[in-house]
Amino acid sequence: MLCAVYKSSRKLETYLYVLKRDDFSAVPDALMATFGTPQLVTLINLANRDKLAIADIEKLKTKLSQHGFYLQLPPPTEDLLKKHRIDHGVEDL
């Protein structure tokens, strides 16, 4: 299974995977409006891979097959102050 990967021009670390290069027909208009102008990053042959850096490859394949696209959002930011408080037994005020 081949797919094209695009990064968002508006949202950092947000990527859109589609089955065919430059074919966004399966992507909802509202998502495309939020995503901005797609910028091609790479083409990937998913048949030759068993994992990806951030995305769950099985979930990616399923979403591509079912919906024709997959949206990869950035990982949530870690609350370092909360982590510090937990690690050091500091109570919230």
PDB file of N, CA and C in Angstrom:
ATOM      1  N   MET A   1       0.847  -1.177   0.000  1.00  0.00           N
ATOM      2  CA  MET A   1       0.000   0.000   0.000  1.00  0.00           C
ATOM      3  C   MET A   1       0.892   1.240   0.000  1.00  0.00           C
ATOM      4  N   LEU A   2       0.725   2.056  -1.002  1.00  0.00           N
ATOM      5  CA  LEU A   2       1.458   3.316  -1.086  1.00  0.00           C
ATOM      6  C   LEU A   2       0.602   4.435  -0.518  1.00  0.00           C
ATOM      7  N   CYS A   3       1.267   5.426   0.065  1.00  0.00           N
ATOM      8  CA  CYS A   3       0.547   6.613   0.509  1.00  0.00           C
ATOM      9  C   CYS A   3       1.460   7.826   0.411  1.00  0.00           C
ATOM     10  N   ALA A   4       0.835   8.982   0.356  1.00  0.00           N
ATOM     11  CA  ALA A   4       1.563  10.251   0.322  1.00  0.00           C
ATOM     12  C   ALA A   4       1.377  10.931   1.674  1.00  0.00           C
ATOM     13  N   VAL A   5       2.441  11.558   2.161  1.00  0.00           N
ATOM     14  CA  VAL A   5       2.408  12.224   3.458  1.00  0.00           C
ATOM     15  C   VAL A   5       2.622  13.721   3.243  1.00  0.00           C
ATOM     16  N   TYR A   6       1.734  14.504   3.832  1.00  0.00           N
ATOM     17  CA  TYR A   6       1.790  15.963   3.723  1.00  0.00           C
ATOM     18  C   TYR A   6       1.850  16.575   5.110  1.00  0.00           C
ATOM     19  N   LYS A   7       2.605  17.667   5.239  1.00  0.00           N
ATOM     20  CA  LYS A   7       2.590  18.401   6.504  1.00  0.00           C
ATOM     21  C   LYS A   7       1.673  19.601   6.352  1.00  0.00           C
ATOM     22  N   SER A   8       1.144  20.036   7.474  1.00  0.00           N
ATOM     23  CA  SER A   8       0.235  21.174   7.486  1.00  0.00           C
ATOM     24  C   SER A   8       1.005  22.479   7.393  1.00  0.00           C
ATOM     25  N   SER A   9       0.440  23.426   6.680  1.00  0.00           N
ATOM     26  CA  SER A   9       1.037  24.756   6.611  1.00  0.00           C
ATOM     27  C   SER A   9       0.588  25.618   7.793  1.00  0.00           C
ATOM     28  N   ARG A  10      -0.368  25.109   8.578  1.00  0.00           N
ATOM     29  CA  ARG A  10      -0.920  25.891   9.693  1.00  0.00           C
ATOM     30  C   ARG A  10      -0.678  25.289  11.068  1.00  0.00           C
ATOM     31  N   LYS A  11      -0.548  23.978  11.146  1.00  0.00           N
ATOM     32  CA  LYS A  11      -0.448  23.299  12.434  1.00  0.00           C
ATOM     33  C   LYS A  11       0.888  22.548  12.521  1.00  0.00           C
ATOM     34  N   LEU A  12       1.718  22.933  13.476  1.00  0.00           N
ATOM     35  CA  LEU A  12       3.007  22.270  13.649  1.00  0.00           C
ATOM     36  C   LEU A  12       2.824  20.793  13.965  1.00  0.00           C
ATOM     37  N   GLU A  13       3.712  19.980  13.435  1.00  0.00           N
ATOM     38  CA  GLU A  13       3.750  18.538  13.694  1.00  0.00           C
ATOM     39  C   GLU A  13       2.433  17.835  13.368  1.00  0.00           C
ATOM     40  N   THR A  14       1.697  18.357  12.399  1.00  0.00           N
ATOM     41  CA  THR A  14       0.449  17.743  11.970  1.00  0.00           C
ATOM     42  C   THR A  14       0.618  17.260  10.533  1.00  0.00           C
ATOM     43  N   TYR A  15       0.309  15.978  10.317  1.00  0.00           N
ATOM     44  CA  TYR A  15       0.539  15.354   9.018  1.00  0.00           C
ATOM     45  C   TYR A  15      -0.726  14.671   8.520  1.00  0.00           C
ATOM     46  N   LEU A  16      -0.904  14.698   7.214  1.00  0.00           N
ATOM     47  CA  LEU A  16      -2.041  14.071   6.565  1.00  0.00           C
ATOM     48  C   LEU A  16      -1.520  13.010   5.602  1.00  0.00           C
ATOM     49  N   TYR A  17      -2.012  11.788   5.764  1.00  0.00           N
ATOM     50  CA  TYR A  17      -1.657  10.671   4.894  1.00  0.00           C
ATOM     51  C   TYR A  17      -2.839  10.422   3.967  1.00  0.00           C
ATOM     52  N   VAL A  18      -2.589  10.323   2.673  1.00  0.00           N
ATOM     53  CA  VAL A  18      -3.627  10.015   1.698  1.00  0.00           C
ATOM     54  C   VAL A  18      -3.140   8.888   0.781  1.00  0.00           C
ATOM     55  N   LEU A  19      -4.083   8.197   0.158  1.00  0.00           N
ATOM     56  CA  LEU A  19      -3.734   7.044  -0.670  1.00  0.00           C
ATOM     57  C   LEU A  19      -3.034   7.419  -1.978  1.00  0.00           C
ATOM     58  N   LYS A  20      -3.406   8.543  -2.550  1.00  0.00           N
ATOM     59  CA  LYS A  20      -2.817   8.957  -3.826  1.00  0.00           C
ATOM     60  C   LYS A  20      -2.277  10.372  -3.710  1.00  0.00           C
ATOM     61  N   ARG A  21      -1.136  10.580  -4.300  1.00  0.00           N
ATOM     62  CA  ARG A  21      -0.508  11.900  -4.266  1.00  0.00           C
ATOM     63  C   ARG A  21      -1.460  12.970  -4.830  1.00  0.00           C
ATOM     64  N   ASP A  22      -1.605  14.029  -4.075  1.00  0.00           N
ATOM     65  CA  ASP A  22      -2.426  15.187  -4.443  1.00  0.00           C
ATOM     66  C   ASP A  22      -3.919  14.882  -4.600  1.00  0.00           C
ATOM     67  N   ASP A  23      -4.383  13.758  -4.059  1.00  0.00           N
ATOM     68  CA  ASP A  23      -5.809  13.422  -4.103  1.00  0.00           C
ATOM     69  C   ASP A  23      -6.382  13.559  -2.689  1.00  0.00           C
ATOM     70  N   PHE A  24      -7.058  14.683  -2.444  1.00  0.00           N
ATOM     71  CA  PHE A  24      -7.625  14.970  -1.138  1.00  0.00           C
ATOM     72  C   PHE A  24      -9.148  14.832  -1.147  1.00  0.00           C
ATOM     73  N   SER A  25      -9.676  14.114  -2.124  1.00  0.00           N
ATOM     74  CA  SER A  25     -11.121  13.986  -2.294  1.00  0.00           C
ATOM     75  C   SER A  25     -11.791  13.287  -1.107  1.00  0.00           C
ATOM     76  N   ALA A  26     -11.075  12.429  -0.386  1.00  0.00           N
ATOM     77  CA  ALA A  26     -11.653  11.725   0.759  1.00  0.00           C
ATOM     78  C   ALA A  26     -11.594  12.547   2.044  1.00  0.00           C
ATOM     79  N   VAL A  27     -10.843  13.636   2.023  1.00  0.00           N
ATOM     80  CA  VAL A  27     -10.644  14.451   3.223  1.00  0.00           C
ATOM     81  C   VAL A  27     -11.775  15.473   3.321  1.00  0.00           C
ATOM     82  N   PRO A  28     -12.440  15.542   4.486  1.00  0.00           N
ATOM     83  CA  PRO A  28     -13.527  16.517   4.645  1.00  0.00           C
ATOM     84  C   PRO A  28     -13.040  17.955   4.419  1.00  0.00           C
ATOM     85  N   ASP A  29     -13.910  18.771   3.827  1.00  0.00           N
ATOM     86  CA  ASP A  29     -13.567  20.165   3.534  1.00  0.00           C
ATOM     87  C   ASP A  29     -13.157  20.934   4.789  1.00  0.00           C
ATOM     88  N   ALA A  30     -13.857  20.697   5.901  1.00  0.00           N
ATOM     89  CA  ALA A  30     -13.539  21.406   7.151  1.00  0.00           C
ATOM     90  C   ALA A  30     -12.130  21.074   7.618  1.00  0.00           C
ATOM     91  N   LEU A  31     -11.726  19.818   7.462  1.00  0.00           N
ATOM     92  CA  LEU A  31     -10.371  19.424   7.845  1.00  0.00           C
ATOM     93  C   LEU A  31      -9.350  20.090   6.935  1.00  0.00           C
ATOM     94  N   MET A  32      -9.618  20.114   5.653  1.00  0.00           N
ATOM     95  CA  MET A  32      -8.688  20.756   4.714  1.00  0.00           C
ATOM     96  C   MET A  32      -8.551  22.246   5.014  1.00  0.00           C
ATOM     97  N   ALA A  33      -9.645  22.895   5.390  1.00  0.00           N
ATOM     98  CA  ALA A  33      -9.593  24.321   5.710  1.00  0.00           C
ATOM     99  C   ALA A  33      -8.724  24.574   6.937  1.00  0.00           C
ATOM    100  N   THR A  34      -8.827  23.703   7.926  1.00  0.00           N
ATOM    101  CA  THR A  34      -8.020  23.836   9.140  1.00  0.00           C
ATOM    102  C   THR A  34      -6.573  23.454   8.886  1.00  0.00           C
ATOM    103  N   PHE A  35      -6.368  22.446   8.071  1.00  0.00           N
ATOM    104  CA  PHE A  35      -5.028  21.921   7.788  1.00  0.00           C
ATOM    105  C   PHE A  35      -4.178  22.929   7.018  1.00  0.00           C
ATOM    106  N   GLY A  36      -4.828  23.679   6.144  1.00  0.00           N
ATOM    107  CA  GLY A  36      -4.098  24.639   5.322  1.00  0.00           C
ATOM    108  C   GLY A  36      -3.595  23.984   4.048  1.00  0.00           C
ATOM    109  N   THR A  37      -2.672  24.642   3.376  1.00  0.00           N
ATOM    110  CA  THR A  37      -2.116  24.110   2.137  1.00  0.00           C
ATOM    111  C   THR A  37      -1.201  22.931   2.443  1.00  0.00           C
ATOM    112  N   PRO A  38      -1.540  21.736   1.947  1.00  0.00           N
ATOM    113  CA  PRO A  38      -0.707  20.570   2.208  1.00  0.00           C
ATOM    114  C   PRO A  38       0.654  20.698   1.511  1.00  0.00           C
ATOM    115  N   GLN A  39       1.699  20.354   2.230  1.00  0.00           N
ATOM    116  CA  GLN A  39       3.054  20.389   1.683  1.00  0.00           C
ATOM    117  C   GLN A  39       3.594  18.963   1.672  1.00  0.00           C
ATOM    118  N   LEU A  40       3.844  18.431   0.474  1.00  0.00           N
ATOM    119  CA  LEU A  40       4.298  17.055   0.338  1.00  0.00           C
ATOM    120  C   LEU A  40       5.607  16.846   1.081  1.00  0.00           C
ATOM    121  N   VAL A  41       5.630  15.802   1.909  1.00  0.00           N
ATOM    122  CA  VAL A  41       6.832  15.440   2.658  1.00  0.00           C
ATOM    123  C   VAL A  41       7.501  14.232   2.013  1.00  0.00           C
ATOM    124  N   THR A  42       6.719  13.181   1.764  1.00  0.00           N
ATOM    125  CA  THR A  42       7.282  11.953   1.217  1.00  0.00           C
ATOM    126  C   THR A  42       6.177  11.026   0.708  1.00  0.00           C
ATOM    127  N   LEU A  43       6.595  10.022  -0.039  1.00  0.00           N
ATOM    128  CA  LEU A  43       5.738   8.909  -0.424  1.00  0.00           C
ATOM    129  C   LEU A  43       6.268   7.687   0.319  1.00  0.00           C
ATOM    130  N   ILE A  44       5.359   6.884   0.869  1.00  0.00           N
ATOM    131  CA  ILE A  44       5.764   5.729   1.672  1.00  0.00           C
ATOM    132  C   ILE A  44       5.084   4.478   1.140  1.00  0.00           C
ATOM    133  N   ASN A  45       5.862   3.402   1.014  1.00  0.00           N
ATOM    134  CA  ASN A  45       5.296   2.092   0.719  1.00  0.00           C
ATOM    135  C   ASN A  45       5.094   1.398   2.060  1.00  0.00           C
ATOM    136  N   LEU A  46       3.861   1.362   2.529  1.00  0.00           N
ATOM    137  CA  LEU A  46       3.562   0.787   3.839  1.00  0.00           C
ATOM    138  C   LEU A  46       3.732  -0.727   3.869  1.00  0.00           C
ATOM    139  N   ALA A  47       3.722  -1.369   2.710  1.00  0.00           N
ATOM    140  CA  ALA A  47       3.908  -2.818   2.658  1.00  0.00           C
ATOM    141  C   ALA A  47       5.314  -3.213   3.094  1.00  0.00           C
ATOM    142  N   ASN A  48       6.263  -2.315   2.933  1.00  0.00           N
ATOM    143  CA  ASN A  48       7.657  -2.602   3.284  1.00  0.00           C
ATOM    144  C   ASN A  48       8.017  -2.176   4.702  1.00  0.00           C
ATOM    145  N   ARG A  49       7.042  -1.726   5.480  1.00  0.00           N
ATOM    146  CA  ARG A  49       7.322  -1.219   6.825  1.00  0.00           C
ATOM    147  C   ARG A  49       6.516  -1.971   7.867  1.00  0.00           C
ATOM    148  N   ASP A  50       7.103  -2.105   9.035  1.00  0.00           N
ATOM    149  CA  ASP A  50       6.364  -2.696  10.150  1.00  0.00           C
ATOM    150  C   ASP A  50       6.148  -1.687  11.275  1.00  0.00           C
ATOM    151  N   LYS A  51       6.755  -0.501  11.153  1.00  0.00           N
ATOM    152  CA  LYS A  51       6.524   0.561  12.123  1.00  0.00           C
ATOM    153  C   LYS A  51       6.891   1.904  11.514  1.00  0.00           C
ATOM    154  N   LEU A  52       6.385   2.954  12.149  1.00  0.00           N
ATOM    155  CA  LEU A  52       6.695   4.331  11.775  1.00  0.00           C
ATOM    156  C   LEU A  52       7.176   5.054  13.035  1.00  0.00           C
ATOM    157  N   ALA A  53       7.779   6.209  12.853  1.00  0.00           N
ATOM    158  CA  ALA A  53       8.347   6.936  13.987  1.00  0.00           C
ATOM    159  C   ALA A  53       7.300   7.272  15.049  1.00  0.00           C
ATOM    160  N   ILE A  54       6.185   7.864  14.639  1.00  0.00           N
ATOM    161  CA  ILE A  54       5.195   8.304  15.625  1.00  0.00           C
ATOM    162  C   ILE A  54       3.855   7.598  15.438  1.00  0.00           C
ATOM    163  N   ALA A  55       3.408   7.465  14.224  1.00  0.00           N
ATOM    164  CA  ALA A  55       2.082   6.892  13.956  1.00  0.00           C
ATOM    165  C   ALA A  55       2.081   5.379  14.153  1.00  0.00           C
ATOM    166  N   ASP A  56       0.954   4.854  14.629  1.00  0.00           N
ATOM    167  CA  ASP A  56       0.729   3.416  14.742  1.00  0.00           C
ATOM    168  C   ASP A  56       0.417   2.912  13.333  1.00  0.00           C
ATOM    169  N   ILE A  57       1.295   2.103  12.773  1.00  0.00           N
ATOM    170  CA  ILE A  57       1.167   1.718  11.366  1.00  0.00           C
ATOM    171  C   ILE A  57      -0.098   0.905  11.086  1.00  0.00           C
ATOM    172  N   GLU A  58      -0.538   0.078  12.019  1.00  0.00           N
ATOM    173  CA  GLU A  58      -1.759  -0.703  11.799  1.00  0.00           C
ATOM    174  C   GLU A  58      -2.986   0.205  11.802  1.00  0.00           C
ATOM    175  N   LYS A  59      -3.017   1.159  12.710  1.00  0.00           N
ATOM    176  CA  LYS A  59      -4.114   2.134  12.749  1.00  0.00           C
ATOM    177  C   LYS A  59      -4.110   2.969  11.473  1.00  0.00           C
ATOM    178  N   LEU A  60      -2.928   3.359  11.027  1.00  0.00           N
ATOM    179  CA  LEU A  60      -2.781   4.137   9.795  1.00  0.00           C
ATOM    180  C   LEU A  60      -3.337   3.366   8.601  1.00  0.00           C
ATOM    181  N   LYS A  61      -2.945   2.113   8.462  1.00  0.00           N
ATOM    182  CA  LYS A  61      -3.420   1.290   7.347  1.00  0.00           C
ATOM    183  C   LYS A  61      -4.945   1.123   7.390  1.00  0.00           C
ATOM    184  N   THR A  62      -5.484   0.897   8.583  1.00  0.00           N
ATOM    185  CA  THR A  62      -6.924   0.725   8.740  1.00  0.00           C
ATOM    186  C   THR A  62      -7.676   1.994   8.336  1.00  0.00           C
ATOM    187  N   LYS A  63      -7.219   3.138   8.838  1.00  0.00           N
ATOM    188  CA  LYS A  63      -7.880   4.409   8.526  1.00  0.00           C
ATOM    189  C   LYS A  63      -7.778   4.734   7.034  1.00  0.00           C
ATOM    190  N   LEU A  64      -6.621   4.465   6.433  1.00  0.00           N
ATOM    191  CA  LEU A  64      -6.470   4.698   4.999  1.00  0.00           C
ATOM    192  C   LEU A  64      -7.438   3.824   4.198  1.00  0.00           C
ATOM    193  N   SER A  65      -7.549   2.557   4.588  1.00  0.00           N
ATOM    194  CA  SER A  65      -8.441   1.636   3.879  1.00  0.00           C
ATOM    195  C   SER A  65      -9.906   2.014   4.054  1.00  0.00           C
ATOM    196  N   GLN A  66     -10.285   2.400   5.275  1.00  0.00           N
ATOM    197  CA  GLN A  66     -11.680   2.702   5.572  1.00  0.00           C
ATOM    198  C   GLN A  66     -12.112   4.098   5.119  1.00  0.00           C
ATOM    199  N   HIS A  67     -11.239   5.086   5.305  1.00  0.00           N
ATOM    200  CA  HIS A  67     -11.637   6.474   5.084  1.00  0.00           C
ATOM    201  C   HIS A  67     -10.888   7.171   3.952  1.00  0.00           C
ATOM    202  N   GLY A  68      -9.769   6.597   3.514  1.00  0.00           N
ATOM    203  CA  GLY A  68      -8.994   7.207   2.432  1.00  0.00           C
ATOM    204  C   GLY A  68      -7.992   8.252   2.889  1.00  0.00           C
ATOM    205  N   PHE A  69      -7.932   8.485   4.208  1.00  0.00           N
ATOM    206  CA  PHE A  69      -6.951   9.420   4.749  1.00  0.00           C
ATOM    207  C   PHE A  69      -6.699   9.100   6.220  1.00  0.00           C
ATOM    208  N   TYR A  70      -5.613   9.646   6.749  1.00  0.00           N
ATOM    209  CA  TYR A  70      -5.288   9.519   8.170  1.00  0.00           C
ATOM    210  C   TYR A  70      -4.643  10.822   8.611  1.00  0.00           C
ATOM    211  N   LEU A  71      -5.104  11.368   9.710  1.00  0.00           N
ATOM    212  CA  LEU A  71      -4.564  12.605  10.252  1.00  0.00           C
ATOM    213  C   LEU A  71      -3.705  12.283  11.466  1.00  0.00           C
ATOM    214  N   GLN A  72      -2.441  12.670  11.413  1.00  0.00           N
ATOM    215  CA  GLN A  72      -1.525  12.469  12.535  1.00  0.00           C
ATOM    216  C   GLN A  72      -1.340  13.800  13.260  1.00  0.00           C
ATOM    217  N   LEU A  73      -1.800  13.843  14.491  1.00  0.00           N
ATOM    218  CA  LEU A  73      -1.682  15.048  15.305  1.00  0.00           C
ATOM    219  C   LEU A  73      -0.407  14.982  16.147  1.00  0.00           C
ATOM    220  N   PRO A  74       0.100  16.125  16.590  1.00  0.00           N
ATOM    221  CA  PRO A  74       1.300  16.094  17.425  1.00  0.00           C
ATOM    222  C   PRO A  74       1.007  15.447  18.769  1.00  0.00           C
ATOM    223  N   PRO A  75       2.021  14.851  19.378  1.00  0.00           N
ATOM    224  CA  PRO A  75       1.797  14.280  20.708  1.00  0.00           C
ATOM    225  C   PRO A  75       1.444  15.394  21.685  1.00  0.00           C
ATOM    226  N   PRO A  76       0.666  15.071  22.724  1.00  0.00           N
ATOM    227  CA  PRO A  76       0.305  16.113  23.688  1.00  0.00           C
ATOM    228  C   PRO A  76       1.551  16.633  24.403  1.00  0.00           C
ATOM    229  N   THR A  77       1.507  17.912  24.742  1.00  0.00           N
ATOM    230  CA  THR A  77       2.634  18.488  25.460  1.00  0.00           C
ATOM    231  C   THR A  77       2.598  18.030  26.906  1.00  0.00           C
ATOM    232  N   GLU A  78       3.771  17.811  27.451  1.00  0.00           N
ATOM    233  CA  GLU A  78       3.880  17.343  28.828  1.00  0.00           C
ATOM    234  C   GLU A  78       3.861  18.538  29.776  1.00  0.00           C
ATOM    235  N   ASP A  79       3.090  18.442  30.831  1.00  0.00           N
ATOM    236  CA  ASP A  79       3.033  19.483  31.852  1.00  0.00           C
ATOM    237  C   ASP A  79       4.205  19.249  32.809  1.00  0.00           C
ATOM    238  N   LEU A  80       5.315  19.936  32.567  1.00  0.00           N
ATOM    239  CA  LEU A  80       6.529  19.713  33.348  1.00  0.00           C
ATOM    240  C   LEU A  80       6.379  20.146  34.801  1.00  0.00           C
ATOM    241  N   LEU A  81       5.608  21.192  35.064  1.00  0.00           N
ATOM    242  CA  LEU A  81       5.402  21.630  36.439  1.00  0.00           C
ATOM    243  C   LEU A  81       4.642  20.566  37.219  1.00  0.00           C
ATOM    244  N   LYS A  82       3.608  20.009  36.604  1.00  0.00           N
ATOM    245  CA  LYS A  82       2.835  18.953  37.265  1.00  0.00           C
ATOM    246  C   LYS A  82       3.711  17.726  37.512  1.00  0.00           C
ATOM    247  N   LYS A  83       4.532  17.354  36.529  1.00  0.00           N
ATOM    248  CA  LYS A  83       5.434  16.211  36.678  1.00  0.00           C
ATOM    249  C   LYS A  83       6.427  16.461  37.814  1.00  0.00           C
ATOM    250  N   HIS A  84       6.974  17.662  37.890  1.00  0.00           N
ATOM    251  CA  HIS A  84       7.922  18.016  38.947  1.00  0.00           C
ATOM    252  C   HIS A  84       7.255  17.891  40.320  1.00  0.00           C
ATOM    253  N   ARG A  85       6.033  18.404  40.424  1.00  0.00           N
ATOM    254  CA  ARG A  85       5.313  18.331  41.704  1.00  0.00           C
ATOM    255  C   ARG A  85       5.066  16.892  42.118  1.00  0.00           C
ATOM    256  N   ILE A  86       4.677  16.066  41.178  1.00  0.00           N
ATOM    257  CA  ILE A  86       4.428  14.646  41.483  1.00  0.00           C
ATOM    258  C   ILE A  86       5.738  13.960  41.885  1.00  0.00           C
ATOM    259  N   ASP A  87       6.776  14.197  41.125  1.00  0.00           N
ATOM    260  CA  ASP A  87       8.075  13.559  41.394  1.00  0.00           C
ATOM    261  C   ASP A  87       8.658  13.966  42.749  1.00  0.00           C
ATOM    262  N   HIS A  88       8.343  15.180  43.196  1.00  0.00           N
ATOM    263  CA  HIS A  88       8.942  15.689  44.429  1.00  0.00           C
ATOM    264  C   HIS A  88       7.944  15.804  45.583  1.00  0.00           C
ATOM    265  N   GLY A  89       6.750  15.228  45.393  1.00  0.00           N
ATOM    266  CA  GLY A  89       5.758  15.199  46.461  1.00  0.00           C
ATOM    267  C   GLY A  89       5.248  16.563  46.869  1.00  0.00           C
ATOM    268  N   VAL A  90       5.233  17.506  45.942  1.00  0.00           N
ATOM    269  CA  VAL A  90       4.745  18.842  46.237  1.00  0.00           C
ATOM    270  C   VAL A  90       3.247  18.885  45.984  1.00  0.00           C
ATOM    271  N   GLU A  91       2.488  19.365  46.973  1.00  0.00           N
ATOM    272  CA  GLU A  91       1.036  19.447  46.828  1.00  0.00           C
ATOM    273  C   GLU A  91       0.660  20.665  45.994  1.00  0.00           C
ATOM    274  N   ASP A  92      -0.442  20.511  45.260  1.00  0.00           N
ATOM    275  CA  ASP A  92      -0.976  21.658  44.513  1.00  0.00           C
ATOM    276  C   ASP A  92      -1.527  22.663  45.503  1.00  0.00           C
ATOM    277  N   LEU A  93      -1.408  23.917  45.145  1.00  0.00           N
ATOM    278  CA  LEU A  93      -1.931  24.996  45.987  1.00  0.00           C
ATOM    279  C   LEU A  93      -3.338  25.338  45.619  1.00  0.00           C
TER     280      LEU A  93
END
